[in-house]
Amino acid sequence: MKKVPMTLEGESRLREELNHLKSVVRPRVIADIAEAREHGDLKENAEYHAAREEQGFTEGRIKEIEGKLADSQVIDIKSMPHTGKVIFGATVTLYNVDTEETVTYQIVGDDEADVKQKKISYASPIAKAIIGKHEEDEISINVPSGEVVYEIEKVEYI
């Protein structure tokens, strides 16, 4: 199986969620099921069915997180020697040659990607275009509205 890259921060967030699900949510759901059973007839017991449904979602998410963690390759960008090269985990400032605007993104794993937080997936078109490039390199990216030309202004391993 191919390992999926993940930042140290992304791994930490998944482990926190997993711990919360196992130590808080799972015991609460089990207690909810036990309490609903005490109310009698399970066929017409909405609380019982709701608790069982929540249990299914919780167990599914636990399995999903455990699978992601097992298949991940955690990369600590701060421990990498800074070469000015764009790599997974790097924070990159791009200068749009046409609009003269700058934008900064961190290249992260699929599960960590959040454009509002300026985190893009390593599999995104922008990340694919800039990975392996260096500061001051110029790259063009095909986007739905046409072609955009960027200059890589700064690469940080933070």
Protein backbone atom coordinates (compact mmCIF):
# COMPACT_ATOMS: atom_id res chain seq x y z
CA MET A 1 0.00 0.00 0.00
CA LYS A 2 1.23 3.47 -0.87
CA LYS A 3 1.88 5.75 2.09
CA VAL A 4 -0.02 9.04 2.09
CA PRO A 5 1.92 12.14 3.19
CA MET A 6 0.65 14.03 6.23
CA THR A 7 2.08 16.91 8.23
CA LEU A 8 2.92 16.58 11.92
CA GLU A 9 0.04 18.98 12.67
CA GLY A 10 -2.40 16.89 10.61
CA GLU A 11 -1.39 13.70 12.40
CA SER A 12 -1.78 15.41 15.77
CA ARG A 13 -5.31 16.60 14.91
CA LEU A 14 -6.36 13.11 13.79
CA ARG A 15 -4.93 11.53 16.95
CA GLU A 16 -6.82 14.07 19.11
CA GLU A 17 -10.08 13.31 17.29
CA LEU A 18 -9.48 9.57 17.62
CA ASN A 19 -8.80 9.90 21.34
CA HIS A 20 -11.97 12.02 21.80
CA LEU A 21 -14.09 9.49 19.90
CA LYS A 22 -12.75 6.55 21.90
CA SER A 23 -12.68 8.14 25.36
CA VAL A 24 -15.71 10.49 25.27
CA VAL A 25 -18.11 9.79 22.42
CA ARG A 26 -18.02 5.95 22.40
CA PRO A 27 -18.73 5.59 26.18
CA ARG A 28 -21.54 8.18 25.97
CA VAL A 29 -23.18 6.37 23.04
CA ILE A 30 -22.96 3.03 24.84
CA ALA A 31 -24.61 4.60 27.89
CA ASP A 32 -27.33 6.13 25.66
CA ILE A 33 -28.06 2.70 24.14
CA ALA A 34 -28.25 1.07 27.58
CA GLU A 35 -30.62 3.78 28.83
CA ALA A 36 -32.83 3.52 25.74
CA ARG A 37 -33.04 -0.27 26.17
CA GLU A 38 -34.48 0.24 29.64
CA HIS A 39 -37.47 2.01 28.08
CA GLY A 40 -38.75 -1.27 26.68
CA ASP A 41 -39.99 -2.10 23.16
CA LEU A 42 -36.98 -1.48 20.90
CA LYS A 43 -38.97 -1.51 17.63
CA GLU A 44 -40.72 1.75 18.43
CA ASN A 45 -37.96 3.31 20.52
CA ALA A 46 -36.64 6.38 18.64
CA GLU A 47 -33.92 7.08 21.23
CA TYR A 48 -32.57 3.54 20.85
CA HIS A 49 -32.47 3.80 17.04
CA ALA A 50 -30.85 7.24 17.17
CA ALA A 51 -28.18 6.00 19.61
CA ARG A 52 -27.49 2.92 17.45
CA GLU A 53 -27.15 5.14 14.38
CA GLU A 54 -24.72 7.42 16.21
CA GLN A 55 -22.78 4.35 17.31
CA GLY A 56 -22.45 3.30 13.67
CA PHE A 57 -21.15 6.73 12.64
CA THR A 58 -18.72 6.82 15.57
CA GLU A 59 -17.30 3.35 14.92
CA GLY A 60 -17.03 4.13 11.20
CA ARG A 61 -15.08 7.33 11.89
CA ILE A 62 -12.78 5.52 14.35
CA LYS A 63 -11.97 2.89 11.69
CA GLU A 64 -11.47 5.62 9.06
CA ILE A 65 -9.02 7.58 11.25
CA GLU A 66 -7.12 4.45 12.28
CA GLY A 67 -6.78 3.52 8.60
CA LYS A 68 -5.54 6.98 7.65
CA LEU A 69 -2.98 6.98 10.43
CA ALA A 70 -1.79 3.48 9.48
CA ASP A 71 -1.40 4.51 5.82
CA SER A 72 0.27 7.86 6.52
CA GLN A 73 3.85 8.97 6.22
CA VAL A 74 4.25 11.84 8.67
CA ILE A 75 6.60 14.55 7.45
CA ASP A 76 8.03 17.10 9.86
CA ILE A 77 8.89 20.02 7.58
CA LYS A 78 10.76 21.86 10.36
CA SER A 79 13.37 19.10 10.52
CA MET A 80 14.17 19.34 6.79
CA PRO A 81 17.26 21.26 5.64
CA HIS A 82 16.07 24.48 3.97
CA THR A 83 17.09 24.44 0.33
CA GLY A 84 14.60 26.93 -1.12
CA LYS A 85 12.95 24.01 -2.94
CA VAL A 86 9.17 23.55 -2.78
CA ILE A 87 8.41 20.25 -1.02
CA PHE A 88 5.49 18.71 0.87
CA GLY A 89 4.76 20.74 4.00
CA ALA A 90 6.45 23.91 2.73
CA THR A 91 4.76 27.29 2.97
CA VAL A 92 5.08 29.04 -0.38
CA THR A 93 4.46 32.68 -1.29
CA LEU A 94 3.47 33.10 -4.93
CA TYR A 95 3.45 36.36 -6.90
CA ASN A 96 0.83 36.55 -9.66
CA VAL A 97 2.67 38.17 -12.58
CA ASP A 98 -0.56 39.48 -14.20
CA THR A 99 -2.41 40.87 -11.16
CA GLU A 100 0.72 41.70 -9.10
CA GLU A 101 -0.93 40.08 -6.06
CA THR A 102 0.72 37.63 -3.70
CA VAL A 103 -0.80 34.58 -2.07
CA THR A 104 0.70 32.17 0.46
CA TYR A 105 -0.15 28.47 0.72
CA GLN A 106 1.09 25.56 2.76
CA ILE A 107 1.22 22.25 0.89
CA VAL A 108 -0.46 19.58 3.01
CA GLY A 109 -2.15 16.17 2.79
CA ASP A 110 -5.62 15.70 1.29
CA ASP A 111 -7.36 15.54 4.68
CA GLU A 112 -5.67 18.70 5.91
CA ALA A 113 -6.44 20.85 2.86
CA ASP A 114 -8.51 23.96 3.64
CA VAL A 115 -8.28 26.86 1.19
CA LYS A 116 -9.72 29.29 3.78
CA GLN A 117 -6.72 28.49 6.01
CA LYS A 118 -4.39 28.75 2.98
CA LYS A 119 -3.64 25.01 3.05
CA ILE A 120 -3.73 23.22 -0.30
CA SER A 121 -3.48 19.52 -1.07
CA TYR A 122 -0.25 18.22 -2.57
CA ALA A 123 -2.49 16.75 -5.30
CA SER A 124 -3.99 20.13 -6.29
CA PRO A 125 -3.02 21.68 -9.64
CA ILE A 126 -1.13 24.55 -7.97
CA ALA A 127 0.84 22.25 -5.66
CA LYS A 128 1.66 19.85 -8.50
CA ALA A 129 2.97 22.77 -10.56
CA ILE A 130 5.24 24.17 -7.84
CA ILE A 131 6.55 21.05 -6.05
CA GLY A 132 10.19 20.60 -6.98
CA LYS A 133 10.61 24.21 -8.08
CA HIS A 134 12.76 26.81 -6.29
CA GLU A 135 12.48 30.41 -5.11
CA GLU A 136 12.40 32.84 -8.07
CA ASP A 137 11.22 30.14 -10.51
CA GLU A 138 8.34 31.15 -12.74
CA ILE A 139 5.54 28.68 -13.36
CA SER A 140 2.33 28.75 -15.36
CA ILE A 141 -0.76 26.93 -14.19
CA ASN A 142 -3.78 26.10 -16.31
CA VAL A 143 -6.95 27.07 -14.46
CA PRO A 144 -10.57 27.08 -15.67
CA SER A 145 -10.31 30.78 -16.60
CA GLY A 146 -7.09 30.27 -18.60
CA GLU A 147 -3.42 30.33 -17.72
CA VAL A 148 -1.96 32.03 -14.64
CA VAL A 149 1.74 32.82 -14.32
CA TYR A 150 3.28 32.87 -10.85
CA GLU A 151 6.75 33.58 -9.56
CA ILE A 152 7.77 31.70 -6.43
CA GLU A 153 8.73 34.54 -4.08
CA LYS A 154 9.49 32.67 -0.89
CA VAL A 155 9.67 29.07 0.34
CA GLU A 156 9.55 28.48 4.09
CA TYR A 157 9.80 25.31 6.14
CA ILE A 158 7.76 26.45 9.17
